Each structure stands twice: as C-alpha cells, then as structure tokens.
C-alpha cells in the first residue's frame, strides 16, 4: 500500500505542474488536489495517529 501512496503522490505532482503551467489563475487548491489524489488511499494515516518520538 505504501507504493500506491508514492505513486499517487507522483501523479498529484504531475497534475499540479500541468495545471499551474497551463492555467495558473484558475486551478484547484493544493489541498483539493491532495484530497483527490492521495487522501482516499487506505494507507494514509492522520497526524493524530502518528506517535511523536
């Protein structure tokens, strides 16, 4: 599942690059892109679940 998260993050980066190069003034926010590409992945943990050392 971690490999899926990495792959999706790469696709998000490519989409951000394309969107902001082609139409920088009217694209979705970075948070919206994260929600669309990465957040639905079941591997992702919230910050509350991660223990601090």
N, C-alpha and C. Protein backbone atom coordinates (compact mmCIF):
# COMPACT_ATOMS: atom_id res chain seq x y z
N UNK A 1 0.80 -1.20 0.00
CA UNK A 1 0.00 0.00 0.00
C UNK A 1 0.85 1.27 0.00
N UNK A 2 2.03 1.22 0.59
CA UNK A 2 2.89 2.40 0.60
C UNK A 2 3.29 2.78 -0.82
N UNK A 3 3.52 1.77 -1.65
CA UNK A 3 3.89 2.07 -3.04
C UNK A 3 2.75 2.77 -3.77
N UNK A 4 1.52 2.45 -3.43
CA UNK A 4 0.38 3.14 -4.04
C UNK A 4 0.37 4.61 -3.63
N UNK A 5 0.65 4.89 -2.37
CA UNK A 5 0.68 6.27 -1.89
C UNK A 5 1.78 7.06 -2.61
N UNK A 6 2.93 6.46 -2.81
CA UNK A 6 4.02 7.13 -3.51
C UNK A 6 3.65 7.38 -4.96
N UNK A 7 3.06 6.40 -5.59
CA UNK A 7 2.63 6.55 -6.98
C UNK A 7 1.60 7.66 -7.12
N UNK A 8 0.62 7.69 -6.23
CA UNK A 8 -0.42 8.71 -6.28
C UNK A 8 0.15 10.10 -6.03
N UNK A 9 1.12 10.20 -5.12
CA UNK A 9 1.76 11.49 -4.87
C UNK A 9 2.50 11.97 -6.12
N UNK A 10 3.12 11.06 -6.84
CA UNK A 10 3.79 11.42 -8.09
C UNK A 10 2.80 11.92 -9.13
N UNK A 11 1.67 11.25 -9.24
CA UNK A 11 0.63 11.71 -10.17
C UNK A 11 0.09 13.07 -9.76
N UNK A 12 -0.05 13.30 -8.46
CA UNK A 12 -0.51 14.60 -7.98
C UNK A 12 0.48 15.69 -8.38
N UNK A 13 1.76 15.41 -8.23
CA UNK A 13 2.79 16.39 -8.60
C UNK A 13 2.70 16.72 -10.08
N UNK A 14 2.57 15.70 -10.93
CA UNK A 14 2.45 15.95 -12.37
C UNK A 14 1.21 16.76 -12.69
N UNK A 15 0.09 16.45 -12.04
CA UNK A 15 -1.14 17.19 -12.27
C UNK A 15 -0.99 18.64 -11.83
N UNK A 16 -0.35 18.87 -10.68
CA UNK A 16 -0.14 20.25 -10.20
C UNK A 16 0.72 21.02 -11.19
N UNK A 17 1.76 20.39 -11.67
CA UNK A 17 2.64 21.06 -12.63
C UNK A 17 1.88 21.43 -13.89
N UNK A 18 1.13 20.49 -14.44
CA UNK A 18 0.37 20.75 -15.66
C UNK A 18 -0.68 21.82 -15.45
N UNK A 19 -1.43 21.74 -14.35
CA UNK A 19 -2.50 22.71 -14.10
C UNK A 19 -1.95 24.12 -13.94
N UNK A 20 -0.89 24.27 -13.18
CA UNK A 20 -0.38 25.60 -12.90
C UNK A 20 0.42 26.18 -14.05
N UNK A 21 0.94 25.33 -14.92
CA UNK A 21 1.61 25.84 -16.13
C UNK A 21 0.58 26.27 -17.17
N UNK A 22 -0.48 25.51 -17.31
CA UNK A 22 -1.47 25.79 -18.33
C UNK A 22 -2.48 26.86 -17.92
N UNK A 23 -2.84 26.87 -16.63
CA UNK A 23 -3.86 27.81 -16.17
C UNK A 23 -3.58 28.16 -14.71
N UNK A 24 -2.60 29.03 -14.45
CA UNK A 24 -2.18 29.29 -13.06
C UNK A 24 -3.19 30.06 -12.22
N UNK A 25 -4.12 30.74 -12.82
CA UNK A 25 -5.02 31.61 -12.06
C UNK A 25 -6.32 30.94 -11.64
N UNK A 26 -6.65 29.83 -12.24
CA UNK A 26 -7.98 29.27 -12.00
C UNK A 26 -7.96 27.79 -11.63
N UNK A 27 -6.84 27.31 -11.11
CA UNK A 27 -6.74 25.89 -10.77
C UNK A 27 -7.23 25.60 -9.37
N UNK A 28 -7.40 24.33 -9.05
CA UNK A 28 -7.81 23.95 -7.69
C UNK A 28 -6.68 24.20 -6.70
N UNK A 29 -7.02 24.27 -5.44
CA UNK A 29 -6.02 24.49 -4.40
C UNK A 29 -5.17 23.22 -4.22
N UNK A 30 -3.96 23.35 -3.69
CA UNK A 30 -3.16 22.17 -3.41
C UNK A 30 -3.87 21.18 -2.48
N UNK A 31 -4.62 21.69 -1.53
CA UNK A 31 -5.36 20.80 -0.62
C UNK A 31 -6.41 19.99 -1.37
N UNK A 32 -7.11 20.63 -2.31
CA UNK A 32 -8.12 19.92 -3.10
C UNK A 32 -7.46 18.83 -3.95
N UNK A 33 -6.30 19.11 -4.50
CA UNK A 33 -5.59 18.10 -5.28
C UNK A 33 -5.13 16.95 -4.39
N UNK A 34 -4.66 17.26 -3.19
CA UNK A 34 -4.24 16.22 -2.26
C UNK A 34 -5.43 15.32 -1.91
N UNK A 35 -6.57 15.93 -1.64
CA UNK A 35 -7.77 15.15 -1.31
C UNK A 35 -8.16 14.24 -2.47
N UNK A 36 -8.03 14.74 -3.68
CA UNK A 36 -8.44 13.98 -4.85
C UNK A 36 -7.47 12.84 -5.17
N UNK A 37 -6.18 13.09 -5.03
CA UNK A 37 -5.19 12.09 -5.45
C UNK A 37 -4.73 11.16 -4.34
N UNK A 38 -4.51 11.66 -3.14
CA UNK A 38 -3.81 10.89 -2.12
C UNK A 38 -4.66 10.53 -0.91
N UNK A 39 -5.52 11.42 -0.47
CA UNK A 39 -6.20 11.27 0.82
C UNK A 39 -7.09 10.03 0.90
N UNK A 40 -7.62 9.57 -0.20
CA UNK A 40 -8.52 8.41 -0.15
C UNK A 40 -7.76 7.10 0.02
N UNK A 41 -6.44 7.11 -0.15
CA UNK A 41 -5.64 5.90 -0.04
C UNK A 41 -5.76 5.32 1.37
N UNK A 42 -6.07 4.05 1.52
CA UNK A 42 -6.25 3.47 2.86
C UNK A 42 -4.96 3.42 3.68
N UNK A 43 -3.80 3.54 3.05
CA UNK A 43 -2.54 3.50 3.78
C UNK A 43 -2.31 4.78 4.58
N UNK A 44 -2.87 5.87 4.13
CA UNK A 44 -2.63 7.18 4.75
C UNK A 44 -3.15 7.20 6.18
N UNK A 45 -2.32 7.71 7.10
CA UNK A 45 -2.71 7.88 8.50
C UNK A 45 -2.82 9.36 8.80
N UNK A 46 -3.73 9.70 9.67
CA UNK A 46 -3.84 11.10 10.06
C UNK A 46 -2.70 11.46 11.00
N UNK A 47 -2.44 12.73 11.16
CA UNK A 47 -1.37 13.20 12.04
C UNK A 47 -1.63 12.79 13.48
N UNK A 48 -2.88 12.64 13.86
CA UNK A 48 -3.22 12.24 15.22
C UNK A 48 -2.80 10.80 15.52
N UNK A 49 -2.75 9.96 14.49
CA UNK A 49 -2.39 8.56 14.66
C UNK A 49 -0.87 8.35 14.76
N UNK A 50 -0.09 9.30 14.30
CA UNK A 50 1.36 9.16 14.29
C UNK A 50 1.90 9.57 15.67
N UNK A 51 2.67 8.68 16.27
CA UNK A 51 3.21 8.96 17.60
C UNK A 51 4.48 9.77 17.47
N UNK A 52 4.61 10.76 18.34
CA UNK A 52 5.83 11.59 18.38
C UNK A 52 6.90 10.83 19.15
N UNK A 53 8.17 10.88 18.71
CA UNK A 53 9.24 10.18 19.44
C UNK A 53 9.56 10.82 20.78
